[in-house]
Amino acid sequence: MSDAKYLFIYRQPADARDDELSPAEMAEMLAQWSAWKARFDEEIVDLGDGLKPQGRQVRAGAGGEIVVTDGAFVEAKEVLGGYSIVQAASLERAVEISRGCPVLRFPGSWIEVRELAGF
């Protein structure tokens, strides 16, 4: 049986702003991401990306119609900040990999680790 894939969902408090980093701080953060990727190169299959705050929410309405509204809602108490995909032998191993992720350098940030269904 091959290793499972896990989605790392990066969450942070709504008031955490990584877009306010100085150029030096941004360079340091990117160096940390590169080092994390190098450390777990065989297991991090898609380093992913950050998410911009703007977006739309597309959902099925009660009568079957499709409803489109403004979304990602920054007034929420938490923000979905980005993602990565990791291939690991177990959930425990995926959690171990997540512990070194640079997103955790921001106070109050956390990572939701979810196994992909593999459809």
PDB file of N, CA and C in Angstrom:
ATOM      1  N   MET A   1       0.846  -1.183   0.000  1.00  0.00           N
ATOM      2  CA  MET A   1       0.000   0.000   0.000  1.00  0.00           C
ATOM      3  C   MET A   1       0.888   1.243   0.000  1.00  0.00           C
ATOM      4  N   SER A   2       0.578   2.194  -0.871  1.00  0.00           N
ATOM      5  CA  SER A   2       1.397   3.400  -0.950  1.00  0.00           C
ATOM      6  C   SER A   2       0.998   4.387   0.139  1.00  0.00           C
ATOM      7  N   ASP A   3       1.876   5.345   0.353  1.00  0.00           N
ATOM      8  CA  ASP A   3       1.606   6.382   1.345  1.00  0.00           C
ATOM      9  C   ASP A   3       0.377   7.195   0.952  1.00  0.00           C
ATOM     10  N   ALA A   4      -0.313   7.700   1.947  1.00  0.00           N
ATOM     11  CA  ALA A   4      -1.483   8.541   1.727  1.00  0.00           C
ATOM     12  C   ALA A   4      -1.041   9.984   1.504  1.00  0.00           C
ATOM     13  N   LYS A   5      -1.916  10.757   0.881  1.00  0.00           N
ATOM     14  CA  LYS A   5      -1.673  12.185   0.714  1.00  0.00           C
ATOM     15  C   LYS A   5      -2.496  12.947   1.745  1.00  0.00           C
ATOM     16  N   TYR A   6      -1.893  14.016   2.240  1.00  0.00           N
ATOM     17  CA  TYR A   6      -2.523  14.845   3.262  1.00  0.00           C
ATOM     18  C   TYR A   6      -2.525  16.297   2.799  1.00  0.00           C
ATOM     19  N   LEU A   7      -3.627  16.972   3.058  1.00  0.00           N
ATOM     20  CA  LEU A   7      -3.754  18.388   2.777  1.00  0.00           C
ATOM     21  C   LEU A   7      -3.449  19.144   4.057  1.00  0.00           C
ATOM     22  N   PHE A   8      -2.487  20.039   3.988  1.00  0.00           N
ATOM     23  CA  PHE A   8      -2.205  20.931   5.097  1.00  0.00           C
ATOM     24  C   PHE A   8      -2.958  22.224   4.803  1.00  0.00           C
ATOM     25  N   ILE A   9      -3.892  22.573   5.647  1.00  0.00           N
ATOM     26  CA  ILE A   9      -4.679  23.792   5.494  1.00  0.00           C
ATOM     27  C   ILE A   9      -4.150  24.788   6.522  1.00  0.00           C
ATOM     28  N   TYR A  10      -3.613  25.895   6.032  1.00  0.00           N
ATOM     29  CA  TYR A  10      -3.003  26.882   6.907  1.00  0.00           C
ATOM     30  C   TYR A  10      -4.034  27.907   7.339  1.00  0.00           C
ATOM     31  N   ARG A  11      -4.189  28.026   8.650  1.00  0.00           N
ATOM     32  CA  ARG A  11      -5.163  28.964   9.217  1.00  0.00           C
ATOM     33  C   ARG A  11      -4.429  29.924  10.143  1.00  0.00           C
ATOM     34  N   GLN A  12      -4.971  31.119  10.218  1.00  0.00           N
ATOM     35  CA  GLN A  12      -4.378  32.109  11.095  1.00  0.00           C
ATOM     36  C   GLN A  12      -5.467  33.042  11.590  1.00  0.00           C
ATOM     37  N   PRO A  13      -5.206  33.718  12.709  1.00  0.00           N
ATOM     38  CA  PRO A  13      -6.185  34.703  13.181  1.00  0.00           C
ATOM     39  C   PRO A  13      -6.400  35.768  12.112  1.00  0.00           C
ATOM     40  N   ALA A  14      -7.588  36.325  12.064  1.00  0.00           N
ATOM     41  CA  ALA A  14      -7.921  37.321  11.041  1.00  0.00           C
ATOM     42  C   ALA A  14      -7.022  38.540  11.107  1.00  0.00           C
ATOM     43  N   ASP A  15      -6.463  38.840  12.278  1.00  0.00           N
ATOM     44  CA  ASP A  15      -5.623  40.031  12.409  1.00  0.00           C
ATOM     45  C   ASP A  15      -4.143  39.759  12.116  1.00  0.00           C
ATOM     46  N   ALA A  16      -3.771  38.528  11.777  1.00  0.00           N
ATOM     47  CA  ALA A  16      -2.382  38.219  11.414  1.00  0.00           C
ATOM     48  C   ALA A  16      -2.165  38.635   9.962  1.00  0.00           C
ATOM     49  N   ARG A  17      -1.172  39.465   9.707  1.00  0.00           N
ATOM     50  CA  ARG A  17      -0.979  40.004   8.359  1.00  0.00           C
ATOM     51  C   ARG A  17       0.443  39.721   7.904  1.00  0.00           C
ATOM     52  N   ASP A  18       0.641  38.706   7.076  1.00  0.00           N
ATOM     53  CA  ASP A  18       1.972  38.437   6.552  1.00  0.00           C
ATOM     54  C   ASP A  18       2.290  39.322   5.348  1.00  0.00           C
ATOM     55  N   ASP A  19       1.307  40.070   4.846  1.00  0.00           N
ATOM     56  CA  ASP A  19       1.581  40.978   3.729  1.00  0.00           C
ATOM     57  C   ASP A  19       2.211  42.284   4.199  1.00  0.00           C
ATOM     58  N   GLU A  20       2.399  42.422   5.506  1.00  0.00           N
ATOM     59  CA  GLU A  20       3.037  43.610   6.052  1.00  0.00           C
ATOM     60  C   GLU A  20       4.503  43.369   6.394  1.00  0.00           C
ATOM     61  N   LEU A  21       5.075  42.271   5.926  1.00  0.00           N
ATOM     62  CA  LEU A  21       6.471  41.968   6.201  1.00  0.00           C
ATOM     63  C   LEU A  21       7.388  42.889   5.400  1.00  0.00           C
ATOM     64  N   SER A  22       8.501  43.249   6.002  1.00  0.00           N
ATOM     65  CA  SER A  22       9.511  44.029   5.286  1.00  0.00           C
ATOM     66  C   SER A  22      10.171  43.127   4.247  1.00  0.00           C
ATOM     67  N   PRO A  23      10.885  43.690   3.279  1.00  0.00           N
ATOM     68  CA  PRO A  23      11.595  42.848   2.305  1.00  0.00           C
ATOM     69  C   PRO A  23      12.557  41.855   2.967  1.00  0.00           C
ATOM     70  N   ALA A  24      13.239  42.284   4.020  1.00  0.00           N
ATOM     71  CA  ALA A  24      14.160  41.380   4.724  1.00  0.00           C
ATOM     72  C   ALA A  24      13.393  40.252   5.418  1.00  0.00           C
ATOM     73  N   GLU A  25      12.267  40.596   6.042  1.00  0.00           N
ATOM     74  CA  GLU A  25      11.444  39.574   6.701  1.00  0.00           C
ATOM     75  C   GLU A  25      10.864  38.601   5.669  1.00  0.00           C
ATOM     76  N   MET A  26      10.454  39.112   4.523  1.00  0.00           N
ATOM     77  CA  MET A  26       9.920  38.257   3.459  1.00  0.00           C
ATOM     78  C   MET A  26      11.002  37.301   2.949  1.00  0.00           C
ATOM     79  N   ALA A  27      12.225  37.802   2.752  1.00  0.00           N
ATOM     80  CA  ALA A  27      13.334  36.952   2.306  1.00  0.00           C
ATOM     81  C   ALA A  27      13.616  35.852   3.334  1.00  0.00           C
ATOM     82  N   GLU A  28      13.573  36.192   4.610  1.00  0.00           N
ATOM     83  CA  GLU A  28      13.801  35.206   5.671  1.00  0.00           C
ATOM     84  C   GLU A  28      12.690  34.154   5.670  1.00  0.00           C
ATOM     85  N   MET A  29      11.439  34.600   5.504  1.00  0.00           N
ATOM     86  CA  MET A  29      10.323  33.657   5.483  1.00  0.00           C
ATOM     87  C   MET A  29      10.463  32.699   4.293  1.00  0.00           C
ATOM     88  N   LEU A  30      10.803  33.228   3.121  1.00  0.00           N
ATOM     89  CA  LEU A  30      10.974  32.365   1.940  1.00  0.00           C
ATOM     90  C   LEU A  30      12.124  31.394   2.137  1.00  0.00           C
ATOM     91  N   ALA A  31      13.180  31.811   2.811  1.00  0.00           N
ATOM     92  CA  ALA A  31      14.295  30.909   3.121  1.00  0.00           C
ATOM     93  C   ALA A  31      13.830  29.786   4.054  1.00  0.00           C
ATOM     94  N   GLN A  32      12.976  30.113   5.007  1.00  0.00           N
ATOM     95  CA  GLN A  32      12.434  29.091   5.913  1.00  0.00           C
ATOM     96  C   GLN A  32      11.579  28.082   5.148  1.00  0.00           C
ATOM     97  N   TRP A  33      10.753  28.557   4.202  1.00  0.00           N
ATOM     98  CA  TRP A  33       9.940  27.644   3.390  1.00  0.00           C
ATOM     99  C   TRP A  33      10.836  26.744   2.544  1.00  0.00           C
ATOM    100  N   SER A  34      11.885  27.297   1.967  1.00  0.00           N
ATOM    101  CA  SER A  34      12.807  26.496   1.149  1.00  0.00           C
ATOM    102  C   SER A  34      13.497  25.442   1.997  1.00  0.00           C
ATOM    103  N   ALA A  35      13.915  25.805   3.198  1.00  0.00           N
ATOM    104  CA  ALA A  35      14.578  24.851   4.091  1.00  0.00           C
ATOM    105  C   ALA A  35      13.622  23.741   4.508  1.00  0.00           C
ATOM    106  N   TRP A  36      12.368  24.090   4.789  1.00  0.00           N
ATOM    107  CA  TRP A  36      11.366  23.078   5.170  1.00  0.00           C
ATOM    108  C   TRP A  36      11.130  22.121   4.016  1.00  0.00           C
ATOM    109  N   LYS A  37      11.004  22.657   2.799  1.00  0.00           N
ATOM    110  CA  LYS A  37      10.807  21.815   1.617  1.00  0.00           C
ATOM    111  C   LYS A  37      12.004  20.894   1.415  1.00  0.00           C
ATOM    112  N   ALA A  38      13.212  21.417   1.563  1.00  0.00           N
ATOM    113  CA  ALA A  38      14.416  20.604   1.389  1.00  0.00           C
ATOM    114  C   ALA A  38      14.481  19.487   2.432  1.00  0.00           C
ATOM    115  N   ARG A  39      14.078  19.783   3.650  1.00  0.00           N
ATOM    116  CA  ARG A  39      14.121  18.788   4.735  1.00  0.00           C
ATOM    117  C   ARG A  39      13.178  17.615   4.477  1.00  0.00           C
ATOM    118  N   PHE A  40      12.023  17.894   3.894  1.00  0.00           N
ATOM    119  CA  PHE A  40      11.006  16.863   3.654  1.00  0.00           C
ATOM    120  C   PHE A  40      10.717  16.722   2.164  1.00  0.00           C
ATOM    121  N   ASP A  41      11.738  16.856   1.338  1.00  0.00           N
ATOM    122  CA  ASP A  41      11.573  16.915  -0.115  1.00  0.00           C
ATOM    123  C   ASP A  41      10.794  15.744  -0.691  1.00  0.00           C
ATOM    124  N   GLU A  42      11.042  14.541  -0.219  1.00  0.00           N
ATOM    125  CA  GLU A  42      10.350  13.348  -0.747  1.00  0.00           C
ATOM    126  C   GLU A  42       8.880  13.311  -0.347  1.00  0.00           C
ATOM    127  N   GLU A  43       8.533  13.997   0.729  1.00  0.00           N
ATOM    128  CA  GLU A  43       7.166  13.913   1.250  1.00  0.00           C
ATOM    129  C   GLU A  43       6.306  15.125   0.896  1.00  0.00           C
ATOM    130  N   ILE A  44       6.912  16.273   0.708  1.00  0.00           N
ATOM    131  CA  ILE A  44       6.135  17.448   0.307  1.00  0.00           C
ATOM    132  C   ILE A  44       6.012  17.392  -1.207  1.00  0.00           C
ATOM    133  N   VAL A  45       4.852  16.941  -1.688  1.00  0.00           N
ATOM    134  CA  VAL A  45       4.664  16.759  -3.134  1.00  0.00           C
ATOM    135  C   VAL A  45       4.184  18.033  -3.824  1.00  0.00           C
ATOM    136  N   ASP A  46       3.570  18.949  -3.084  1.00  0.00           N
ATOM    137  CA  ASP A  46       3.144  20.232  -3.632  1.00  0.00           C
ATOM    138  C   ASP A  46       3.248  21.245  -2.505  1.00  0.00           C
ATOM    139  N   LEU A  47       4.228  22.135  -2.611  1.00  0.00           N
ATOM    140  CA  LEU A  47       4.428  23.127  -1.562  1.00  0.00           C
ATOM    141  C   LEU A  47       3.208  24.026  -1.416  1.00  0.00           C
ATOM    142  N   GLY A  48       2.380  24.080  -2.447  1.00  0.00           N
ATOM    143  CA  GLY A  48       1.143  24.843  -2.382  1.00  0.00           C
ATOM    144  C   GLY A  48       1.374  26.318  -2.598  1.00  0.00           C
ATOM    145  N   ASP A  49       0.535  27.105  -1.956  1.00  0.00           N
ATOM    146  CA  ASP A  49       0.591  28.549  -2.151  1.00  0.00           C
ATOM    147  C   ASP A  49      -0.225  29.211  -1.048  1.00  0.00           C
ATOM    148  N   GLY A  50      -0.033  30.500  -0.912  1.00  0.00           N
ATOM    149  CA  GLY A  50      -0.876  31.286  -0.034  1.00  0.00           C
ATOM    150  C   GLY A  50      -2.131  31.687  -0.786  1.00  0.00           C
ATOM    151  N   LEU A  51      -3.111  32.139  -0.056  1.00  0.00           N
ATOM    152  CA  LEU A  51      -4.370  32.571  -0.657  1.00  0.00           C
ATOM    153  C   LEU A  51      -4.573  34.054  -0.400  1.00  0.00           C
ATOM    154  N   LYS A  52      -4.998  34.764  -1.420  1.00  0.00           N
ATOM    155  CA  LYS A  52      -5.344  36.174  -1.271  1.00  0.00           C
ATOM    156  C   LYS A  52      -6.697  36.272  -0.576  1.00  0.00           C
ATOM    157  N   PRO A  53      -6.964  37.377   0.105  1.00  0.00           N
ATOM    158  CA  PRO A  53      -8.209  37.474   0.867  1.00  0.00           C
ATOM    159  C   PRO A  53      -9.471  37.597   0.012  1.00  0.00           C
ATOM    160  N   GLN A  54      -9.359  38.067  -1.234  1.00  0.00           N
ATOM    161  CA  GLN A  54     -10.543  38.243  -2.064  1.00  0.00           C
ATOM    162  C   GLN A  54     -10.989  36.901  -2.641  1.00  0.00           C
ATOM    163  N   GLY A  55     -12.268  36.803  -2.941  1.00  0.00           N
ATOM    164  CA  GLY A  55     -12.789  35.589  -3.550  1.00  0.00           C
ATOM    165  C   GLY A  55     -14.293  35.641  -3.670  1.00  0.00           C
ATOM    166  N   ARG A  56     -14.868  34.558  -4.100  1.00  0.00           N
ATOM    167  CA  ARG A  56     -16.318  34.409  -4.198  1.00  0.00           C
ATOM    168  C   ARG A  56     -16.713  33.080  -3.571  1.00  0.00           C
ATOM    169  N   GLN A  57     -17.918  33.043  -3.075  1.00  0.00           N
ATOM    170  CA  GLN A  57     -18.475  31.821  -2.517  1.00  0.00           C
ATOM    171  C   GLN A  57     -19.562  31.350  -3.481  1.00  0.00           C
ATOM    172  N   VAL A  58     -19.436  30.136  -3.984  1.00  0.00           N
ATOM    173  CA  VAL A  58     -20.406  29.549  -4.907  1.00  0.00           C
ATOM    174  C   VAL A  58     -21.044  28.375  -4.171  1.00  0.00           C
ATOM    175  N   ARG A  59     -22.372  28.427  -4.029  1.00  0.00           N
ATOM    176  CA  ARG A  59     -23.048  27.366  -3.270  1.00  0.00           C
ATOM    177  C   ARG A  59     -24.408  27.059  -3.864  1.00  0.00           C
ATOM    178  N   ALA A  60     -24.906  25.904  -3.526  1.00  0.00           N
ATOM    179  CA  ALA A  60     -26.231  25.496  -3.971  1.00  0.00           C
ATOM    180  C   ALA A  60     -27.265  26.107  -3.038  1.00  0.00           C
ATOM    181  N   GLY A  61     -28.237  26.804  -3.619  1.00  0.00           N
ATOM    182  CA  GLY A  61     -29.320  27.384  -2.837  1.00  0.00           C
ATOM    183  C   GLY A  61     -30.353  26.324  -2.484  1.00  0.00           C
ATOM    184  N   ALA A  62     -31.287  26.688  -1.630  1.00  0.00           N
ATOM    185  CA  ALA A  62     -32.309  25.762  -1.151  1.00  0.00           C
ATOM    186  C   ALA A  62     -33.162  25.195  -2.281  1.00  0.00           C
ATOM    187  N   GLY A  63     -33.398  25.983  -3.328  1.00  0.00           N
ATOM    188  CA  GLY A  63     -34.220  25.525  -4.446  1.00  0.00           C
ATOM    189  C   GLY A  63     -33.416  24.920  -5.588  1.00  0.00           C
ATOM    190  N   GLY A  64     -32.139  24.651  -5.346  1.00  0.00           N
ATOM    191  CA  GLY A  64     -31.303  24.063  -6.379  1.00  0.00           C
ATOM    192  C   GLY A  64     -30.569  25.085  -7.237  1.00  0.00           C
ATOM    193  N   GLU A  65     -30.889  26.373  -7.058  1.00  0.00           N
ATOM    194  CA  GLU A  65     -30.188  27.400  -7.823  1.00  0.00           C
ATOM    195  C   GLU A  65     -28.758  27.556  -7.286  1.00  0.00           C
ATOM    196  N   ILE A  66     -27.895  28.081  -8.113  1.00  0.00           N
ATOM    197  CA  ILE A  66     -26.514  28.344  -7.716  1.00  0.00           C
ATOM    198  C   ILE A  66     -26.425  29.801  -7.288  1.00  0.00           C
ATOM    199  N   VAL A  67     -25.927  30.031  -6.090  1.00  0.00           N
ATOM    200  CA  VAL A  67     -25.833  31.360  -5.516  1.00  0.00           C
ATOM    201  C   VAL A  67     -24.353  31.738  -5.414  1.00  0.00           C
ATOM    202  N   VAL A  68     -24.019  32.912  -5.925  1.00  0.00           N
ATOM    203  CA  VAL A  68     -22.646  33.410  -5.850  1.00  0.00           C
ATOM    204  C   VAL A  68     -22.651  34.683  -5.016  1.00  0.00           C
ATOM    205  N   THR A  69     -21.817  34.689  -3.965  1.00  0.00           N
ATOM    206  CA  THR A  69     -21.699  35.859  -3.100  1.00  0.00           C
ATOM    207  C   THR A  69     -20.226  36.180  -2.901  1.00  0.00           C
ATOM    208  N   ASP A  70     -19.976  37.376  -2.391  1.00  0.00           N
ATOM    209  CA  ASP A  70     -18.607  37.712  -2.028  1.00  0.00           C
ATOM    210  C   ASP A  70     -18.143  36.755  -0.944  1.00  0.00           C
ATOM    211  N   GLY A  71     -16.881  36.449  -0.950  1.00  0.00           N
ATOM    212  CA  GLY A  71     -16.341  35.549   0.049  1.00  0.00           C
ATOM    213  C   GLY A  71     -14.855  35.609  -0.003  1.00  0.00           C
ATOM    214  N   ALA A  72     -14.221  35.048   0.584  1.00  0.00           N
ATOM    215  CA  ALA A  72     -13.640  34.756   1.854  1.00  0.00           C
ATOM    216  C   ALA A  72     -13.896  35.949   2.770  1.00  0.00           C
ATOM    217  N   PHE A  73     -14.422  35.646   3.888  1.00  0.00           N
ATOM    218  CA  PHE A  73     -14.910  36.688   4.765  1.00  0.00           C
ATOM    219  C   PHE A  73     -13.869  37.036   5.808  1.00  0.00           C
ATOM    220  N   VAL A  74     -13.162  38.142   5.590  1.00  0.00           N
ATOM    221  CA  VAL A  74     -12.081  38.521   6.485  1.00  0.00           C
ATOM    222  C   VAL A  74     -12.572  38.972   7.853  1.00  0.00           C
ATOM    223  N   GLU A  75     -13.864  39.226   7.990  1.00  0.00           N
ATOM    224  CA  GLU A  75     -14.364  39.576   9.314  1.00  0.00           C
ATOM    225  C   GLU A  75     -14.516  38.348  10.212  1.00  0.00           C
ATOM    226  N   ALA A  76     -14.307  37.157   9.649  1.00  0.00           N
ATOM    227  CA  ALA A  76     -14.343  35.944  10.455  1.00  0.00           C
ATOM    228  C   ALA A  76     -13.182  35.969  11.444  1.00  0.00           C
ATOM    229  N   LYS A  77     -13.275  35.157  12.487  1.00  0.00           N
ATOM    230  CA  LYS A  77     -12.208  35.157  13.488  1.00  0.00           C
ATOM    231  C   LYS A  77     -10.959  34.419  13.015  1.00  0.00           C
ATOM    232  N   GLU A  78     -11.050  33.690  11.898  1.00  0.00           N
ATOM    233  CA  GLU A  78      -9.882  33.005  11.353  1.00  0.00           C
ATOM    234  C   GLU A  78      -9.887  33.120   9.837  1.00  0.00           C
ATOM    235  N   VAL A  79      -8.711  33.017   9.256  1.00  0.00           N
ATOM    236  CA  VAL A  79      -8.540  33.147   7.825  1.00  0.00           C
ATOM    237  C   VAL A  79      -7.846  31.898   7.299  1.00  0.00           C
ATOM    238  N   LEU A  80      -8.332  31.386   6.184  1.00  0.00           N
ATOM    239  CA  LEU A  80      -7.654  30.304   5.484  1.00  0.00           C
ATOM    240  C   LEU A  80      -6.542  30.957   4.683  1.00  0.00           C
ATOM    241  N   GLY A  81      -5.289  30.696   5.061  1.00  0.00           N
ATOM    242  CA  GLY A  81      -4.171  31.418   4.484  1.00  0.00           C
ATOM    243  C   GLY A  81      -3.463  30.719   3.346  1.00  0.00           C
ATOM    244  N   GLY A  82      -3.574  29.389   3.231  1.00  0.00           N
ATOM    245  CA  GLY A  82      -2.880  28.672   2.175  1.00  0.00           C
ATOM    246  C   GLY A  82      -2.945  27.174   2.402  1.00  0.00           C
ATOM    247  N   TYR A  83      -2.139  26.452   1.631  1.00  0.00           N
ATOM    248  CA  TYR A  83      -2.186  24.993   1.687  1.00  0.00           C
ATOM    249  C   TYR A  83      -0.877  24.389   1.177  1.00  0.00           C
ATOM    250  N   SER A  84      -0.660  23.140   1.505  1.00  0.00           N
ATOM    251  CA  SER A  84       0.380  22.287   0.917  1.00  0.00           C
ATOM    252  C   SER A  84      -0.179  20.877   0.855  1.00  0.00           C
ATOM    253  N   ILE A  85       0.438  20.031   0.020  1.00  0.00           N
ATOM    254  CA  ILE A  85       0.059  18.612  -0.040  1.00  0.00           C
ATOM    255  C   ILE A  85       1.296  17.782   0.270  1.00  0.00           C
ATOM    256  N   VAL A  86       1.126  16.861   1.204  1.00  0.00           N
ATOM    257  CA  VAL A  86       2.213  16.021   1.681  1.00  0.00           C
ATOM    258  C   VAL A  86       1.821  14.563   1.500  1.00  0.00           C
ATOM    259  N   GLN A  87       2.783  13.727   1.139  1.00  0.00           N
ATOM    260  CA  GLN A  87       2.562  12.287   1.057  1.00  0.00           C
ATOM    261  C   GLN A  87       3.357  11.652   2.181  1.00  0.00           C
ATOM    262  N   ALA A  88       2.665  10.928   3.063  1.00  0.00           N
ATOM    263  CA  ALA A  88       3.309  10.380   4.247  1.00  0.00           C
ATOM    264  C   ALA A  88       2.760   8.993   4.567  1.00  0.00           C
ATOM    265  N   ALA A  89       3.531   8.246   5.328  1.00  0.00           N
ATOM    266  CA  ALA A  89       3.170   6.874   5.683  1.00  0.00           C
ATOM    267  C   ALA A  89       1.996   6.803   6.653  1.00  0.00           C
ATOM    268  N   SER A  90       1.747   7.892   7.389  1.00  0.00           N
ATOM    269  CA  SER A  90       0.669   7.880   8.382  1.00  0.00           C
ATOM    270  C   SER A  90       0.278   9.310   8.736  1.00  0.00           C
ATOM    271  N   LEU A  91      -0.866   9.425   9.385  1.00  0.00           N
ATOM    272  CA  LEU A  91      -1.298  10.728   9.879  1.00  0.00           C
ATOM    273  C   LEU A  91      -0.278  11.273  10.871  1.00  0.00           C
ATOM    274  N   GLU A  92       0.260  10.409  11.705  1.00  0.00           N
ATOM    275  CA  GLU A  92       1.249  10.834  12.688  1.00  0.00           C
ATOM    276  C   GLU A  92       2.481  11.421  12.007  1.00  0.00           C
ATOM    277  N   ARG A  93       2.933  10.789  10.905  1.00  0.00           N
ATOM    278  CA  ARG A  93       4.084  11.308  10.174  1.00  0.00           C
ATOM    279  C   ARG A  93       3.743  12.657   9.538  1.00  0.00           C
ATOM    280  N   ALA A  94       2.543  12.789   8.981  1.00  0.00           N
ATOM    281  CA  ALA A  94       2.127  14.056   8.396  1.00  0.00           C
ATOM    282  C   ALA A  94       2.125  15.163   9.456  1.00  0.00           C
ATOM    283  N   VAL A  95       1.639  14.857  10.642  1.00  0.00           N
ATOM    284  CA  VAL A  95       1.640  15.828  11.739  1.00  0.00           C
ATOM    285  C   VAL A  95       3.072  16.193  12.109  1.00  0.00           C
ATOM    286  N   GLU A  96       3.958  15.209  12.138  1.00  0.00           N
ATOM    287  CA  GLU A  96       5.367  15.474  12.434  1.00  0.00           C
ATOM    288  C   GLU A  96       5.963  16.458  11.412  1.00  0.00           C
ATOM    289  N   ILE A  97       5.657  16.254  10.139  1.00  0.00           N
ATOM    290  CA  ILE A  97       6.142  17.159   9.092  1.00  0.00           C
ATOM    291  C   ILE A  97       5.568  18.557   9.293  1.00  0.00           C
ATOM    292  N   SER A  98       4.291  18.635   9.649  1.00  0.00           N
ATOM    293  CA  SER A  98       3.640  19.943   9.817  1.00  0.00           C
ATOM    294  C   SER A  98       4.270  20.756  10.941  1.00  0.00           C
ATOM    295  N   ARG A  99       4.819  20.091  11.929  1.00  0.00           N
ATOM    296  CA  ARG A  99       5.387  20.796  13.087  1.00  0.00           C
ATOM    297  C   ARG A  99       6.555  21.702  12.705  1.00  0.00           C
ATOM    298  N   GLY A 100       7.204  21.420  11.570  1.00  0.00           N
ATOM    299  CA  GLY A 100       8.310  22.251  11.125  1.00  0.00           C
ATOM    300  C   GLY A 100       7.920  23.317  10.119  1.00  0.00           C
ATOM    301  N   CYS A 101       6.643  23.421   9.815  1.00  0.00           N
ATOM    302  CA  CYS A 101       6.181  24.345   8.779  1.00  0.00           C
ATOM    303  C   CYS A 101       6.337  25.811   9.218  1.00  0.00           C
ATOM    304  N   PRO A 102       6.895  26.640   8.337  1.00  0.00           N
ATOM    305  CA  PRO A 102       7.098  28.056   8.686  1.00  0.00           C
ATOM    306  C   PRO A 102       5.825  28.843   8.974  1.00  0.00           C
ATOM    307  N   VAL A 103       4.668  28.351   8.571  1.00  0.00           N
ATOM    308  CA  VAL A 103       3.444  29.099   8.867  1.00  0.00           C
ATOM    309  C   VAL A 103       3.246  29.232  10.383  1.00  0.00           C
ATOM    310  N   LEU A 104       3.828  28.313  11.145  1.00  0.00           N
ATOM    311  CA  LEU A 104       3.667  28.340  12.596  1.00  0.00           C
ATOM    312  C   LEU A 104       4.521  29.421  13.258  1.00  0.00           C
ATOM    313  N   ARG A 105       5.276  30.179  12.468  1.00  0.00           N
ATOM    314  CA  ARG A 105       6.057  31.282  13.035  1.00  0.00           C
ATOM    315  C   ARG A 105       5.160  32.453  13.412  1.00  0.00           C
ATOM    316  N   PHE A 106       3.925  32.470  12.899  1.00  0.00           N
ATOM    317  CA  PHE A 106       2.987  33.537  13.207  1.00  0.00           C
ATOM    318  C   PHE A 106       2.174  33.140  14.439  1.00  0.00           C
ATOM    319  N   PRO A 107       2.239  33.910  15.514  1.00  0.00           N
ATOM    320  CA  PRO A 107       1.492  33.565  16.732  1.00  0.00           C
ATOM    321  C   PRO A 107       0.003  33.362  16.442  1.00  0.00           C
ATOM    322  N   GLY A 108      -0.553  32.311  17.008  1.00  0.00           N
ATOM    323  CA  GLY A 108      -1.967  32.017  16.849  1.00  0.00           C
ATOM    324  C   GLY A 108      -2.311  31.253  15.589  1.00  0.00           C
ATOM    325  N   SER A 109      -1.330  31.001  14.720  1.00  0.00           N
ATOM    326  CA  SER A 109      -1.588  30.251  13.486  1.00  0.00           C
ATOM    327  C   SER A 109      -1.632  28.754  13.782  1.00  0.00           C
ATOM    328  N   TRP A 110      -2.315  28.006  12.932  1.00  0.00           N
ATOM    329  CA  TRP A 110      -2.352  26.564  13.090  1.00  0.00           C
ATOM    330  C   TRP A 110      -2.523  25.898  11.739  1.00  0.00           C
ATOM    331  N   ILE A 111      -2.260  24.594  11.732  1.00  0.00           N
ATOM    332  CA  ILE A 111      -2.357  23.795  10.514  1.00  0.00           C
ATOM    333  C   ILE A 111      -3.369  22.686  10.750  1.00  0.00           C
ATOM    334  N   GLU A 112      -4.327  22.609   9.865  1.00  0.00           N
ATOM    335  CA  GLU A 112      -5.280  21.488   9.877  1.00  0.00           C
ATOM    336  C   GLU A 112      -4.719  20.443   8.918  1.00  0.00           C
ATOM    337  N   VAL A 113      -4.497  19.235   9.406  1.00  0.00           N
ATOM    338  CA  VAL A 113      -3.947  18.141   8.598  1.00  0.00           C
ATOM    339  C   VAL A 113      -5.080  17.185   8.280  1.00  0.00           C
ATOM    340  N   ARG A 114      -5.397  17.030   6.973  1.00  0.00           N
ATOM    341  CA  ARG A 114      -6.517  16.183   6.546  1.00  0.00           C
ATOM    342  C   ARG A 114      -6.052  15.198   5.490  1.00  0.00           C
ATOM    343  N   GLU A 115      -6.384  13.930   5.648  1.00  0.00           N
ATOM    344  CA  GLU A 115      -6.040  12.927   4.644  1.00  0.00           C
ATOM    345  C   GLU A 115      -6.962  13.073   3.439  1.00  0.00           C
ATOM    346  N   LEU A 116      -6.375  13.033   2.246  1.00  0.00           N
ATOM    347  CA  LEU A 116      -7.180  13.074   1.022  1.00  0.00           C
ATOM    348  C   LEU A 116      -7.823  11.706   0.804  1.00  0.00           C
ATOM    349  N   ALA A 117      -9.035  11.694   0.278  1.00  0.00           N
ATOM    350  CA  ALA A 117      -9.788  10.453   0.108  1.00  0.00           C
ATOM    351  C   ALA A 117      -9.221   9.565  -0.988  1.00  0.00           C
ATOM    352  N   GLY A 118      -8.545  10.150  -1.956  1.00  0.00           N
ATOM    353  CA  GLY A 118      -7.913   9.340  -3.005  1.00  0.00           C
ATOM    354  C   GLY A 118      -8.872   8.843  -4.069  1.00  0.00           C
ATOM    355  N   PHE A 119      -9.925   9.559  -4.333  1.00  0.00           N
ATOM    356  CA  PHE A 119     -10.878   9.164  -5.374  1.00  0.00           C
ATOM    357  C   PHE A 119     -10.235   9.184  -6.726  1.00  0.00           C
TER     358      PHE A 119
END
